[in-house]
Protein backbone atom coordinates (compact mmCIF):
# COMPACT_ATOMS: atom_id res chain seq x y z
CA MET A 1 -33.54 19.87 -42.90
CA LYS A 2 -31.27 18.91 -45.81
CA ASP A 3 -31.59 15.21 -44.79
CA LYS A 4 -35.41 15.40 -44.69
CA ILE A 5 -35.52 16.93 -48.16
CA GLY A 6 -33.20 14.29 -49.43
CA ILE A 7 -35.51 11.55 -47.95
CA LEU A 8 -38.59 13.19 -49.47
CA ILE A 9 -36.94 13.39 -52.85
CA GLY A 10 -36.01 9.70 -52.58
CA ILE A 11 -39.55 8.76 -51.69
CA GLY A 12 -40.86 10.73 -54.61
CA ILE A 13 -38.39 9.06 -57.08
CA ALA A 14 -39.36 5.54 -55.71
CA ALA A 15 -43.00 6.38 -56.15
CA ALA A 16 -42.50 7.73 -59.65
CA VAL A 17 -40.68 4.52 -60.60
CA ILE A 18 -43.56 2.35 -59.22
CA VAL A 19 -46.15 4.28 -61.01
CA THR A 20 -44.20 4.22 -64.28
CA LEU A 21 -43.78 0.51 -64.02
CA SER A 22 -47.44 0.01 -63.32
CA PHE A 23 -48.41 2.09 -66.40
CA PHE A 24 -45.91 0.08 -68.38
CA VAL A 25 -47.38 -3.25 -67.29
CA LEU A 26 -50.93 -2.11 -67.73
CA ASN A 27 -50.42 -0.75 -71.25
CA THR A 28 -48.42 -3.78 -72.48
CA GLY A 29 -50.43 -6.43 -74.16
CA ASN A 30 -48.22 -9.54 -73.75
CA LEU A 31 -45.13 -9.41 -71.59
CA GLU A 32 -42.24 -11.55 -72.76
CA LEU A 33 -39.88 -13.36 -70.38
CA ASN A 34 -37.14 -10.85 -70.82
CA GLU A 35 -39.42 -7.91 -70.05
CA ILE A 36 -40.76 -9.76 -66.92
CA SER A 37 -37.16 -10.47 -65.63
CA LEU A 38 -36.14 -6.73 -66.24
CA ILE A 39 -39.18 -5.54 -64.39
CA GLY A 40 -38.36 -8.01 -61.50
CA ILE A 41 -34.85 -6.61 -61.34
CA VAL A 42 -36.03 -3.01 -61.32
CA LEU A 43 -38.57 -3.94 -58.54
CA ILE A 44 -35.77 -5.46 -56.51
CA LEU A 45 -33.80 -2.25 -56.94
CA VAL A 46 -36.81 -0.19 -55.86
CA VAL A 47 -37.32 -2.34 -52.78
CA PHE A 48 -33.62 -1.82 -51.95
CA ALA A 49 -34.01 1.95 -52.32
CA ILE A 50 -37.13 1.82 -50.02
CA TYR A 51 -35.13 -0.12 -47.47
CA ILE A 52 -32.36 2.51 -47.50
CA LEU A 53 -35.00 5.29 -47.12
CA TRP A 54 -36.74 3.44 -44.35
CA ASP A 55 -33.35 3.14 -42.49
CA ARG A 56 -32.63 6.80 -42.88
CA ILE A 57 -36.13 7.76 -41.70
CA LYS A 58 -35.55 5.64 -38.73
CA ASN A 59 -32.32 7.49 -37.96
CA VAL A 60 -33.96 10.93 -38.35
CA ARG A 61 -36.77 9.98 -36.04
CA LYS A 62 -34.25 8.90 -33.37
CA GLY A 63 -32.49 12.28 -33.69
CA LEU A 64 -29.45 10.74 -35.23
CA PRO A 65 -27.70 11.94 -38.38
CA VAL A 66 -28.93 10.19 -41.57
CA GLN A 67 -25.47 8.81 -42.30
CA ASP A 68 -22.44 8.29 -40.11
CA GLU A 69 -18.91 7.90 -41.32
CA ARG A 70 -19.18 4.16 -41.64
CA LEU A 71 -22.32 4.49 -43.93
CA LYS A 72 -20.64 7.20 -46.02
CA LEU A 73 -17.71 4.97 -46.50
CA THR A 74 -20.04 2.11 -47.34
CA ASN A 75 -21.89 4.27 -49.95
CA TYR A 76 -18.54 5.15 -51.53
CA LYS A 77 -17.18 1.62 -51.66
CA ALA A 78 -20.57 0.29 -53.07
CA GLY A 79 -20.64 3.09 -55.63
CA TYR A 80 -17.12 2.11 -56.74
CA TYR A 81 -18.11 -1.49 -57.08
CA GLY A 82 -21.35 -0.48 -58.97
CA PHE A 83 -19.13 1.64 -61.35
CA ILE A 84 -16.78 -1.25 -61.99
CA GLY A 85 -19.80 -3.58 -62.58
CA ALA A 86 -21.20 -1.06 -65.13
CA ILE A 87 -17.88 -0.91 -67.01
CA TRP A 88 -17.47 -4.62 -67.22
CA SER A 89 -21.13 -5.22 -68.03
CA ALA A 90 -20.83 -2.81 -70.94
CA VAL A 91 -17.90 -4.77 -72.21
CA PHE A 92 -18.99 -8.35 -71.60
CA ALA A 93 -22.80 -8.28 -72.00
CA PRO A 94 -22.81 -7.76 -75.83
CA LEU A 95 -19.91 -10.25 -76.08
CA ALA A 96 -21.53 -12.89 -74.08
CA ILE A 97 -24.93 -12.51 -75.75
CA ASP A 98 -23.17 -12.70 -79.23
CA ILE A 99 -21.28 -15.82 -78.24
CA LEU A 100 -24.03 -17.61 -76.52
CA PHE A 101 -27.01 -16.71 -78.68
CA ASP A 102 -25.44 -15.41 -81.89
CA TYR A 103 -27.42 -12.17 -81.48
CA GLU A 104 -26.06 -8.63 -81.54
CA LEU A 105 -27.44 -6.72 -78.65
CA PRO A 106 -28.89 -3.37 -79.68
CA GLY A 107 -27.62 -0.22 -77.99
CA HIS A 108 -30.68 0.43 -75.92
CA LEU A 109 -30.50 -3.07 -74.33
CA VAL A 110 -26.80 -2.64 -73.54
CA THR A 111 -27.79 0.63 -71.78
CA ALA A 112 -30.44 -1.29 -69.90
CA VAL A 113 -28.06 -4.06 -68.96
CA VAL A 114 -25.48 -1.56 -67.72
CA VAL A 115 -27.95 0.34 -65.58
CA LEU A 116 -29.47 -2.84 -64.10
CA VAL A 117 -26.09 -4.53 -63.43
CA SER A 118 -24.54 -1.47 -61.84
CA GLY A 119 -27.63 -0.94 -59.67
CA PHE A 120 -27.67 -4.62 -58.64
CA VAL A 121 -23.99 -4.64 -57.78
CA PHE A 122 -24.33 -1.41 -55.80
CA ALA A 123 -27.29 -2.93 -53.90
CA ALA A 124 -25.65 -6.22 -53.25
CA SER A 125 -22.29 -4.64 -52.15
CA TYR A 126 -24.03 -2.01 -49.96
CA LEU A 127 -26.07 -4.62 -48.22
CA TYR A 128 -23.11 -6.90 -47.68
CA MET A 129 -20.94 -4.17 -46.23
CA TYR A 130 -23.80 -2.71 -44.21
CA TRP A 131 -24.61 -6.06 -42.51
CA LYS A 132 -20.92 -7.10 -42.07
CA GLY A 133 -19.86 -3.69 -40.82
CA LYS A 134 -17.01 -3.24 -43.30
């Protein structure tokens, strides 16, 4: 039952993110390239979350546990890599933008970079370890 509640909460969060993004896109007059790229990255992360939910739903329908020991270890390792990606993106994103474009990144954009980089690193490392079986 706990697994089913977790899946339902995940579906609700994914739906809320999609609805929020659609409201944002509909209420924005002109989208700039950086906004389009950020929306694209968020959509990639949502698709990844939906893939994980679909895999877990498939396991529940078969009568298997949602996660076995390998998937738990994969989650922990991918979470660690996402955390390391968040730390280094917080350090290097403002520095790289300042060097390359001579522009000081505001705090809210640094936060956005950290969240997106950590999510993308988590997704990429999770998929790699899931498919390779490590």
